[in-house]
Amino acid sequence: MRIGIAGCGGIGSNVAYHLVRAGVDSLKFGDFDKIEESNLNRQFYFKNQIGLYKSETLKENLLMINPNLNIENQVIKFEKENLVEFFKDCDIVVEAFDKKEYKRLLVEELLPLGKKIVSASGIGGYITEDIEIKKIGKNLIVVGDFKTDTDIYKTYSHKVGAVAALMAGKVLEIGGYCEK
């Protein structure tokens, strides 16, 4: 089973981290951003990695946990023209975009193809008590508080990490990795 991750920032890097720690060994992910100092409060990167591409650096960091991983990564800006092709061989796709229009694009393009999608909505602010997991239809699961937009609210490591951990748990569950 191959898990795809669209975006390697706060959600994407932490979901990948949790999946690898749980034993998932086949990942495919992409992002076009470079690591900035402001990312270090919530993303799985380190100070000496500032300025490097997130997708390349995430692969290196994950291989330090398990050098036998099967990882395909790419420096890529996801658009309508490349999204389906990139994730065609993934069984489950984690949506980890910052921008609403890309979240919508991923769901609109991949859900009709029967892809299972785990997405985030509402990861801003520091309050974690309102985090929910909602199943929408047959193949879409969304985790977050559904109200704290990161354009308005600051992001904090503990909340981003909590949402990412719950998302990773859902990937493990629907991927059949977990014992009931």
N, C-alpha and C. Protein backbone atom coordinates (compact mmCIF):
# COMPACT_ATOMS: atom_id res chain seq x y z
N MET A 1 0.85 -1.18 0.00
CA MET A 1 0.00 0.00 0.00
C MET A 1 0.90 1.24 0.00
N ARG A 2 0.55 2.20 -0.84
CA ARG A 2 1.32 3.44 -0.95
C ARG A 2 0.46 4.61 -0.47
N ILE A 3 1.06 5.44 0.38
CA ILE A 3 0.39 6.62 0.91
C ILE A 3 0.96 7.85 0.24
N GLY A 4 0.09 8.69 -0.31
CA GLY A 4 0.50 9.95 -0.92
C GLY A 4 0.26 11.10 0.03
N ILE A 5 1.12 12.09 -0.03
CA ILE A 5 0.97 13.28 0.81
C ILE A 5 1.16 14.51 -0.07
N ALA A 6 0.12 15.34 -0.12
CA ALA A 6 0.15 16.56 -0.92
C ALA A 6 0.53 17.73 -0.03
N GLY A 7 1.81 18.06 -0.02
CA GLY A 7 2.32 19.15 0.81
C GLY A 7 3.17 18.60 1.94
N CYS A 8 4.30 19.24 2.18
CA CYS A 8 5.27 18.75 3.18
C CYS A 8 5.52 19.77 4.28
N GLY A 9 4.51 20.55 4.62
CA GLY A 9 4.64 21.54 5.68
C GLY A 9 4.26 20.96 7.03
N GLY A 10 3.53 21.75 7.82
CA GLY A 10 3.18 21.34 9.18
C GLY A 10 2.39 20.04 9.24
N ILE A 11 1.34 19.94 8.46
CA ILE A 11 0.54 18.72 8.45
C ILE A 11 1.29 17.60 7.73
N GLY A 12 1.73 17.84 6.51
CA GLY A 12 2.36 16.79 5.71
C GLY A 12 3.59 16.19 6.34
N SER A 13 4.49 17.02 6.84
CA SER A 13 5.73 16.48 7.42
C SER A 13 5.45 15.69 8.69
N ASN A 14 4.48 16.16 9.48
CA ASN A 14 4.17 15.45 10.73
C ASN A 14 3.36 14.19 10.50
N VAL A 15 2.45 14.20 9.53
CA VAL A 15 1.74 12.95 9.20
C VAL A 15 2.76 11.92 8.72
N ALA A 16 3.67 12.32 7.84
CA ALA A 16 4.70 11.39 7.34
C ALA A 16 5.53 10.83 8.49
N TYR A 17 5.94 11.68 9.39
CA TYR A 17 6.72 11.28 10.58
C TYR A 17 5.96 10.21 11.37
N HIS A 18 4.69 10.47 11.65
CA HIS A 18 3.89 9.51 12.43
C HIS A 18 3.69 8.19 11.67
N LEU A 19 3.44 8.28 10.37
CA LEU A 19 3.24 7.06 9.59
C LEU A 19 4.49 6.19 9.57
N VAL A 20 5.64 6.81 9.38
CA VAL A 20 6.90 6.04 9.35
C VAL A 20 7.16 5.43 10.73
N ARG A 21 6.92 6.19 11.78
CA ARG A 21 7.12 5.64 13.14
C ARG A 21 6.18 4.47 13.41
N ALA A 22 5.01 4.46 12.73
CA ALA A 22 4.03 3.38 12.92
C ALA A 22 4.28 2.18 12.01
N GLY A 23 5.27 2.29 11.12
CA GLY A 23 5.63 1.15 10.28
C GLY A 23 5.25 1.25 8.82
N VAL A 24 4.63 2.35 8.39
CA VAL A 24 4.33 2.53 6.96
C VAL A 24 5.67 2.69 6.24
N ASP A 25 5.83 1.96 5.14
CA ASP A 25 7.15 1.98 4.49
C ASP A 25 7.12 2.41 3.03
N SER A 26 5.95 2.85 2.53
CA SER A 26 5.86 3.30 1.15
C SER A 26 5.10 4.62 1.08
N LEU A 27 5.83 5.69 0.78
CA LEU A 27 5.26 7.03 0.73
C LEU A 27 5.61 7.72 -0.57
N LYS A 28 4.73 8.61 -0.99
CA LYS A 28 4.99 9.45 -2.15
C LYS A 28 4.50 10.84 -1.79
N PHE A 29 5.37 11.85 -1.88
CA PHE A 29 4.95 13.19 -1.51
C PHE A 29 5.66 14.24 -2.35
N GLY A 30 5.04 15.42 -2.34
CA GLY A 30 5.61 16.52 -3.10
C GLY A 30 5.25 17.85 -2.49
N ASP A 31 6.10 18.84 -2.78
CA ASP A 31 5.92 20.21 -2.33
C ASP A 31 6.92 21.05 -3.11
N PHE A 32 6.64 22.32 -3.29
CA PHE A 32 7.58 23.19 -3.99
C PHE A 32 8.27 24.19 -3.07
N ASP A 33 7.83 24.26 -1.82
CA ASP A 33 8.37 25.24 -0.87
C ASP A 33 9.73 24.85 -0.33
N LYS A 34 10.44 25.87 0.11
CA LYS A 34 11.69 25.68 0.84
C LYS A 34 11.43 25.95 2.32
N ILE A 35 12.25 25.35 3.14
CA ILE A 35 12.13 25.49 4.60
C ILE A 35 12.54 26.90 5.00
N GLU A 36 11.70 27.52 5.83
CA GLU A 36 11.98 28.84 6.38
C GLU A 36 12.07 28.73 7.90
N GLU A 37 12.74 29.67 8.51
CA GLU A 37 12.87 29.64 9.97
C GLU A 37 11.51 29.63 10.66
N SER A 38 10.55 30.34 10.09
CA SER A 38 9.21 30.39 10.69
C SER A 38 8.50 29.03 10.68
N ASN A 39 8.98 28.08 9.89
CA ASN A 39 8.39 26.74 9.83
C ASN A 39 8.80 25.86 11.01
N LEU A 40 9.91 26.20 11.64
CA LEU A 40 10.52 25.29 12.62
C LEU A 40 9.68 25.10 13.88
N ASN A 41 8.69 25.99 14.12
CA ASN A 41 7.87 25.83 15.31
C ASN A 41 6.84 24.72 15.19
N ARG A 42 6.67 24.14 13.97
CA ARG A 42 5.60 23.15 13.82
C ARG A 42 5.88 22.09 12.75
N GLN A 43 6.98 22.16 12.06
CA GLN A 43 7.26 21.24 10.98
C GLN A 43 8.47 20.36 11.32
N PHE A 44 8.56 19.19 10.71
CA PHE A 44 9.60 18.20 11.01
C PHE A 44 10.90 18.52 10.25
N TYR A 45 11.44 19.71 10.57
CA TYR A 45 12.70 20.17 9.99
C TYR A 45 13.54 20.82 11.08
N PHE A 46 14.79 21.10 10.74
CA PHE A 46 15.73 21.61 11.71
C PHE A 46 16.43 22.87 11.19
N LYS A 47 17.00 23.63 12.09
CA LYS A 47 17.59 24.93 11.76
C LYS A 47 18.62 24.84 10.63
N ASN A 48 19.44 23.80 10.65
CA ASN A 48 20.47 23.67 9.61
C ASN A 48 19.88 23.29 8.24
N GLN A 49 18.56 23.09 8.16
CA GLN A 49 17.91 22.74 6.90
C GLN A 49 17.17 23.92 6.27
N ILE A 50 17.25 25.09 6.89
CA ILE A 50 16.61 26.28 6.34
C ILE A 50 17.15 26.55 4.94
N GLY A 51 16.26 26.82 4.01
CA GLY A 51 16.63 27.11 2.63
C GLY A 51 16.59 25.90 1.71
N LEU A 52 16.45 24.71 2.28
CA LEU A 52 16.37 23.49 1.46
C LEU A 52 14.91 23.21 1.09
N TYR A 53 14.73 22.44 0.01
CA TYR A 53 13.37 22.07 -0.39
C TYR A 53 12.77 21.11 0.63
N LYS A 54 11.52 21.37 0.97
CA LYS A 54 10.83 20.55 1.96
C LYS A 54 10.73 19.09 1.54
N SER A 55 10.34 18.83 0.30
CA SER A 55 10.13 17.43 -0.11
C SER A 55 11.43 16.63 -0.09
N GLU A 56 12.51 17.23 -0.49
CA GLU A 56 13.80 16.52 -0.47
C GLU A 56 14.29 16.31 0.95
N THR A 57 14.11 17.31 1.78
CA THR A 57 14.59 17.24 3.16
C THR A 57 13.73 16.30 4.00
N LEU A 58 12.42 16.29 3.74
CA LEU A 58 11.56 15.35 4.47
C LEU A 58 11.98 13.92 4.17
N LYS A 59 12.30 13.63 2.94
CA LYS A 59 12.77 12.28 2.60
C LYS A 59 14.02 11.94 3.41
N GLU A 60 14.98 12.85 3.47
CA GLU A 60 16.21 12.60 4.24
C GLU A 60 15.90 12.36 5.70
N ASN A 61 15.03 13.17 6.28
CA ASN A 61 14.69 13.03 7.70
C ASN A 61 13.99 11.70 7.98
N LEU A 62 13.09 11.31 7.09
CA LEU A 62 12.38 10.04 7.29
C LEU A 62 13.31 8.85 7.13
N LEU A 63 14.24 8.94 6.21
CA LEU A 63 15.21 7.85 6.02
C LEU A 63 16.13 7.69 7.22
N MET A 64 16.29 8.74 8.02
CA MET A 64 17.06 8.61 9.27
C MET A 64 16.30 7.77 10.28
N ILE A 65 14.98 7.73 10.18
CA ILE A 65 14.17 6.88 11.06
C ILE A 65 14.21 5.44 10.56
N ASN A 66 14.02 5.27 9.25
CA ASN A 66 14.02 3.93 8.64
C ASN A 66 14.70 4.02 7.27
N PRO A 67 15.94 3.58 7.17
CA PRO A 67 16.66 3.68 5.90
C PRO A 67 16.14 2.75 4.80
N ASN A 68 15.20 1.87 5.13
CA ASN A 68 14.65 0.93 4.14
C ASN A 68 13.33 1.38 3.54
N LEU A 69 12.96 2.64 3.75
CA LEU A 69 11.69 3.14 3.23
C LEU A 69 11.69 3.18 1.71
N ASN A 70 10.51 3.01 1.15
CA ASN A 70 10.29 3.22 -0.28
C ASN A 70 9.63 4.58 -0.41
N ILE A 71 10.43 5.60 -0.74
CA ILE A 71 9.92 6.97 -0.82
C ILE A 71 10.15 7.51 -2.21
N GLU A 72 9.08 8.07 -2.77
CA GLU A 72 9.19 8.84 -4.01
C GLU A 72 8.78 10.26 -3.67
N ASN A 73 9.65 11.20 -3.95
CA ASN A 73 9.34 12.59 -3.65
C ASN A 73 9.67 13.46 -4.86
N GLN A 74 9.07 14.63 -4.86
CA GLN A 74 9.30 15.54 -5.98
C GLN A 74 9.13 16.97 -5.51
N VAL A 75 9.97 17.86 -6.04
CA VAL A 75 9.75 19.29 -5.88
C VAL A 75 8.73 19.64 -6.95
N ILE A 76 7.51 19.94 -6.52
CA ILE A 76 6.40 20.11 -7.47
C ILE A 76 5.37 21.07 -6.89
N LYS A 77 4.84 21.91 -7.73
CA LYS A 77 3.68 22.71 -7.36
C LYS A 77 2.47 22.00 -7.96
N PHE A 78 1.61 21.53 -7.10
CA PHE A 78 0.45 20.79 -7.56
C PHE A 78 -0.56 21.73 -8.22
N GLU A 79 -1.00 21.31 -9.39
CA GLU A 79 -2.01 22.04 -10.16
C GLU A 79 -2.98 21.00 -10.73
N LYS A 80 -4.05 21.48 -11.30
CA LYS A 80 -5.05 20.59 -11.91
C LYS A 80 -4.39 19.66 -12.93
N GLU A 81 -3.39 20.15 -13.66
CA GLU A 81 -2.76 19.39 -14.74
C GLU A 81 -1.86 18.24 -14.26
N ASN A 82 -1.41 18.26 -12.99
CA ASN A 82 -0.46 17.22 -12.55
C ASN A 82 -0.91 16.43 -11.32
N LEU A 83 -1.96 16.84 -10.69
CA LEU A 83 -2.39 16.23 -9.43
C LEU A 83 -2.78 14.76 -9.59
N VAL A 84 -3.65 14.48 -10.53
CA VAL A 84 -4.13 13.11 -10.74
C VAL A 84 -2.97 12.19 -11.13
N GLU A 85 -2.14 12.62 -12.03
CA GLU A 85 -1.00 11.80 -12.49
C GLU A 85 -0.05 11.50 -11.33
N PHE A 86 0.23 12.49 -10.50
CA PHE A 86 1.17 12.30 -9.39
C PHE A 86 0.67 11.24 -8.41
N PHE A 87 -0.62 11.28 -8.08
CA PHE A 87 -1.16 10.39 -7.05
C PHE A 87 -1.85 9.15 -7.61
N LYS A 88 -1.70 8.87 -8.89
CA LYS A 88 -2.42 7.74 -9.50
C LYS A 88 -2.06 6.39 -8.87
N ASP A 89 -0.85 6.23 -8.36
CA ASP A 89 -0.44 4.96 -7.77
C ASP A 89 -0.53 4.95 -6.24
N CYS A 90 -1.25 5.91 -5.67
CA CYS A 90 -1.42 5.97 -4.22
C CYS A 90 -2.80 5.46 -3.82
N ASP A 91 -2.83 4.68 -2.76
CA ASP A 91 -4.09 4.12 -2.27
C ASP A 91 -4.85 5.12 -1.41
N ILE A 92 -4.12 5.89 -0.63
CA ILE A 92 -4.68 6.91 0.26
C ILE A 92 -3.88 8.18 0.03
N VAL A 93 -4.56 9.32 0.00
CA VAL A 93 -3.87 10.59 -0.18
C VAL A 93 -4.19 11.50 1.01
N VAL A 94 -3.14 12.04 1.60
CA VAL A 94 -3.25 13.01 2.68
C VAL A 94 -3.20 14.40 2.06
N GLU A 95 -4.23 15.18 2.28
CA GLU A 95 -4.27 16.56 1.82
C GLU A 95 -3.63 17.41 2.91
N ALA A 96 -2.53 18.07 2.58
CA ALA A 96 -1.80 18.87 3.57
C ALA A 96 -1.44 20.25 3.02
N PHE A 97 -2.37 20.84 2.29
CA PHE A 97 -2.16 22.16 1.71
C PHE A 97 -2.50 23.27 2.69
N ASP A 98 -1.89 24.43 2.48
CA ASP A 98 -2.21 25.62 3.27
C ASP A 98 -3.44 26.34 2.73
N LYS A 99 -3.58 26.36 1.44
CA LYS A 99 -4.60 27.20 0.80
C LYS A 99 -5.87 26.42 0.47
N LYS A 100 -7.00 27.07 0.75
CA LYS A 100 -8.32 26.45 0.55
C LYS A 100 -8.54 26.01 -0.89
N GLU A 101 -8.09 26.82 -1.86
CA GLU A 101 -8.35 26.47 -3.26
C GLU A 101 -7.63 25.19 -3.67
N TYR A 102 -6.46 24.90 -3.07
CA TYR A 102 -5.75 23.67 -3.38
C TYR A 102 -6.38 22.48 -2.66
N LYS A 103 -6.88 22.71 -1.46
CA LYS A 103 -7.61 21.65 -0.75
C LYS A 103 -8.81 21.20 -1.59
N ARG A 104 -9.56 22.18 -2.06
CA ARG A 104 -10.74 21.91 -2.89
C ARG A 104 -10.35 21.20 -4.18
N LEU A 105 -9.29 21.68 -4.82
CA LEU A 105 -8.83 21.07 -6.07
C LEU A 105 -8.50 19.60 -5.87
N LEU A 106 -7.77 19.28 -4.81
CA LEU A 106 -7.39 17.89 -4.57
C LEU A 106 -8.63 17.01 -4.39
N VAL A 107 -9.56 17.47 -3.57
CA VAL A 107 -10.77 16.69 -3.33
C VAL A 107 -11.58 16.55 -4.62
N GLU A 108 -11.74 17.63 -5.36
CA GLU A 108 -12.53 17.58 -6.60
C GLU A 108 -11.90 16.68 -7.66
N GLU A 109 -10.59 16.61 -7.70
CA GLU A 109 -9.91 15.81 -8.71
C GLU A 109 -9.77 14.34 -8.32
N LEU A 110 -9.51 14.06 -7.06
CA LEU A 110 -9.20 12.69 -6.64
C LEU A 110 -10.38 11.91 -6.10
N LEU A 111 -11.32 12.57 -5.46
CA LEU A 111 -12.46 11.86 -4.88
C LEU A 111 -13.28 11.12 -5.93
N PRO A 112 -13.58 11.73 -7.09
CA PRO A 112 -14.36 10.99 -8.11
C PRO A 112 -13.64 9.76 -8.65
N LEU A 113 -12.33 9.69 -8.46
CA LEU A 113 -11.56 8.53 -8.91
C LEU A 113 -11.57 7.40 -7.89
N GLY A 114 -12.24 7.62 -6.76
CA GLY A 114 -12.31 6.61 -5.71
C GLY A 114 -11.16 6.63 -4.74
N LYS A 115 -10.32 7.65 -4.82
CA LYS A 115 -9.20 7.75 -3.88
C LYS A 115 -9.74 8.03 -2.48
N LYS A 116 -9.12 7.41 -1.49
CA LYS A 116 -9.42 7.70 -0.10
C LYS A 116 -8.57 8.92 0.28
N ILE A 117 -9.20 9.92 0.87
CA ILE A 117 -8.53 11.17 1.19
C ILE A 117 -8.71 11.47 2.67
N VAL A 118 -7.60 11.87 3.31
CA VAL A 118 -7.62 12.35 4.69
C VAL A 118 -7.14 13.79 4.63
N SER A 119 -7.97 14.71 5.10
CA SER A 119 -7.73 16.14 4.94
C SER A 119 -7.79 16.86 6.29
N ALA A 120 -7.31 18.10 6.30
CA ALA A 120 -7.34 18.94 7.50
C ALA A 120 -8.15 20.19 7.23
N SER A 121 -8.86 20.65 8.25
CA SER A 121 -9.59 21.91 8.17
C SER A 121 -9.72 22.51 9.56
N GLY A 122 -9.05 23.64 9.76
CA GLY A 122 -9.12 24.30 11.05
C GLY A 122 -7.99 23.87 11.96
N ILE A 123 -6.77 24.32 11.64
CA ILE A 123 -5.60 23.94 12.46
C ILE A 123 -4.96 25.16 13.12
N GLY A 124 -5.57 26.34 12.95
CA GLY A 124 -5.01 27.55 13.54
C GLY A 124 -5.37 27.67 15.01
N GLY A 125 -4.68 28.58 15.68
CA GLY A 125 -4.94 28.82 17.09
C GLY A 125 -4.34 27.74 17.98
N TYR A 126 -4.59 27.88 19.27
CA TYR A 126 -3.96 26.97 20.24
C TYR A 126 -4.95 26.01 20.90
N ILE A 127 -6.24 26.23 20.72
CA ILE A 127 -7.24 25.40 21.40
C ILE A 127 -7.40 24.07 20.67
N THR A 128 -7.22 22.99 21.40
CA THR A 128 -7.30 21.65 20.82
C THR A 128 -8.60 20.92 21.18
N GLU A 129 -9.33 21.44 22.14
CA GLU A 129 -10.53 20.74 22.60
C GLU A 129 -11.61 20.62 21.53
N ASP A 130 -11.58 21.48 20.52
CA ASP A 130 -12.61 21.48 19.49
C ASP A 130 -12.27 20.63 18.27
N ILE A 131 -11.15 19.93 18.29
CA ILE A 131 -10.75 19.10 17.15
C ILE A 131 -11.73 17.94 17.00
N GLU A 132 -12.19 17.75 15.77
CA GLU A 132 -13.13 16.67 15.45
C GLU A 132 -12.61 15.87 14.27
N ILE A 133 -13.15 14.69 14.11
CA ILE A 133 -12.90 13.87 12.93
C ILE A 133 -14.26 13.62 12.28
N LYS A 134 -14.38 14.06 11.02
CA LYS A 134 -15.66 13.90 10.31
C LYS A 134 -15.45 13.05 9.06
N LYS A 135 -16.31 12.07 8.90
CA LYS A 135 -16.31 11.29 7.66
C LYS A 135 -17.38 11.91 6.75
N ILE A 136 -16.94 12.29 5.56
CA ILE A 136 -17.85 12.93 4.61
C ILE A 136 -17.94 12.01 3.40
N GLY A 137 -19.07 11.37 3.25
CA GLY A 137 -19.23 10.40 2.18
C GLY A 137 -18.41 9.14 2.47
N LYS A 138 -18.14 8.40 1.42
CA LYS A 138 -17.48 7.10 1.57
C LYS A 138 -15.96 7.21 1.74
N ASN A 139 -15.32 8.17 1.07
CA ASN A 139 -13.85 8.17 0.99
C ASN A 139 -13.15 9.43 1.48
N LEU A 140 -13.86 10.32 2.18
CA LEU A 140 -13.24 11.55 2.66
C LEU A 140 -13.36 11.67 4.17
N ILE A 141 -12.22 11.85 4.81
CA ILE A 141 -12.18 12.10 6.26
C ILE A 141 -11.49 13.44 6.46
N VAL A 142 -12.08 14.30 7.29
CA VAL A 142 -11.52 15.62 7.56
C VAL A 142 -11.31 15.76 9.06
N VAL A 143 -10.11 16.26 9.43
CA VAL A 143 -9.74 16.43 10.83
C VAL A 143 -9.43 17.89 11.09
N GLY A 144 -9.93 18.43 12.19
CA GLY A 144 -9.65 19.80 12.58
C GLY A 144 -10.79 20.36 13.39
N ASP A 145 -10.76 21.66 13.65
CA ASP A 145 -11.87 22.27 14.38
C ASP A 145 -12.87 22.94 13.44
N PHE A 146 -12.56 22.96 12.14
CA PHE A 146 -13.46 23.44 11.10
C PHE A 146 -13.79 24.93 11.21
N LYS A 147 -12.97 25.69 11.97
CA LYS A 147 -13.26 27.12 12.08
C LYS A 147 -12.03 28.02 12.19
N THR A 148 -10.89 27.53 12.59
CA THR A 148 -9.73 28.41 12.79
C THR A 148 -8.82 28.38 11.57
N ASP A 149 -9.05 29.30 10.67
CA ASP A 149 -8.30 29.44 9.43
C ASP A 149 -6.89 29.96 9.74
N THR A 150 -5.90 29.36 9.12
CA THR A 150 -4.52 29.79 9.37
C THR A 150 -4.21 31.15 8.76
N ASP A 151 -5.09 31.67 7.93
CA ASP A 151 -4.92 33.04 7.44
C ASP A 151 -5.23 34.05 8.54
N ILE A 152 -5.99 33.62 9.54
CA ILE A 152 -6.42 34.51 10.62
C ILE A 152 -5.72 34.16 11.93
N TYR A 153 -5.58 32.87 12.21
CA TYR A 153 -5.02 32.41 13.48
C TYR A 153 -3.58 31.92 13.30
N LYS A 154 -2.75 32.21 14.29
CA LYS A 154 -1.38 31.71 14.31
C LYS A 154 -1.41 30.19 14.46
N THR A 155 -0.37 29.52 13.93
CA THR A 155 -0.28 28.07 14.10
C THR A 155 0.67 27.74 15.24
N TYR A 156 0.32 26.72 15.99
CA TYR A 156 1.11 26.25 17.13
C TYR A 156 1.42 24.78 16.95
N SER A 157 2.60 24.41 17.36
CA SER A 157 3.08 23.04 17.19
C SER A 157 2.13 22.01 17.79
N HIS A 158 1.67 22.26 19.00
CA HIS A 158 0.85 21.24 19.66
C HIS A 158 -0.45 20.97 18.92
N LYS A 159 -1.07 22.00 18.33
CA LYS A 159 -2.33 21.78 17.62
C LYS A 159 -2.09 21.16 16.26
N VAL A 160 -1.10 21.67 15.52
CA VAL A 160 -0.77 21.07 14.23
C VAL A 160 -0.38 19.61 14.43
N GLY A 161 0.41 19.35 15.46
CA GLY A 161 0.83 17.98 15.76
C GLY A 161 -0.34 17.08 16.13
N ALA A 162 -1.29 17.61 16.91
CA ALA A 162 -2.45 16.82 17.30
C ALA A 162 -3.30 16.45 16.08
N VAL A 163 -3.54 17.42 15.20
CA VAL A 163 -4.32 17.15 13.99
C VAL A 163 -3.58 16.15 13.11
N ALA A 164 -2.27 16.36 12.94
CA ALA A 164 -1.48 15.44 12.11
C ALA A 164 -1.49 14.03 12.68
N ALA A 165 -1.41 13.90 14.00
CA ALA A 165 -1.43 12.57 14.62
C ALA A 165 -2.77 11.88 14.39
N LEU A 166 -3.86 12.63 14.52
CA LEU A 166 -5.19 12.05 14.26
C LEU A 166 -5.34 11.67 12.80
N MET A 167 -4.82 12.50 11.91
CA MET A 167 -4.87 12.16 10.48
C MET A 167 -4.07 10.90 10.19
N ALA A 168 -2.88 10.80 10.77
CA ALA A 168 -2.06 9.59 10.58
C ALA A 168 -2.81 8.37 11.11
N GLY A 169 -3.48 8.52 12.24
CA GLY A 169 -4.26 7.42 12.79
C GLY A 169 -5.35 6.97 11.85
N LYS A 170 -6.02 7.90 11.20
CA LYS A 170 -7.05 7.55 10.23
C LYS A 170 -6.46 6.86 9.00
N VAL A 171 -5.29 7.32 8.55
CA VAL A 171 -4.62 6.64 7.43
C VAL A 171 -4.29 5.21 7.82
N LEU A 172 -3.77 5.02 9.00
CA LEU A 172 -3.42 3.67 9.47
C LEU A 172 -4.68 2.79 9.55
N GLU A 173 -5.76 3.38 10.04
CA GLU A 173 -7.01 2.63 10.18
C GLU A 173 -7.58 2.23 8.81
N ILE A 174 -7.74 3.17 7.91
CA ILE A 174 -8.36 2.83 6.62
C ILE A 174 -7.41 2.05 5.73
N GLY A 175 -6.12 2.14 6.01
CA GLY A 175 -5.13 1.37 5.23
C GLY A 175 -4.94 -0.04 5.75
N GLY A 176 -5.60 -0.37 6.85
CA GLY A 176 -5.51 -1.72 7.40
C GLY A 176 -4.22 -1.99 8.17
N TYR A 177 -3.55 -0.95 8.61
CA TYR A 177 -2.30 -1.14 9.34
C TYR A 177 -2.52 -1.45 10.81
N CYS A 178 -3.70 -1.12 11.33
CA CYS A 178 -3.95 -1.22 12.77
C CYS A 178 -4.76 -2.46 13.10
N GLU A 179 -4.43 -3.01 14.25
CA GLU A 179 -5.26 -4.06 14.80
C GLU A 179 -6.41 -3.41 15.53
N LYS A 180 -7.57 -3.97 15.43
CA LYS A 180 -8.75 -3.37 16.09
C LYS A 180 -8.74 -3.67 17.56
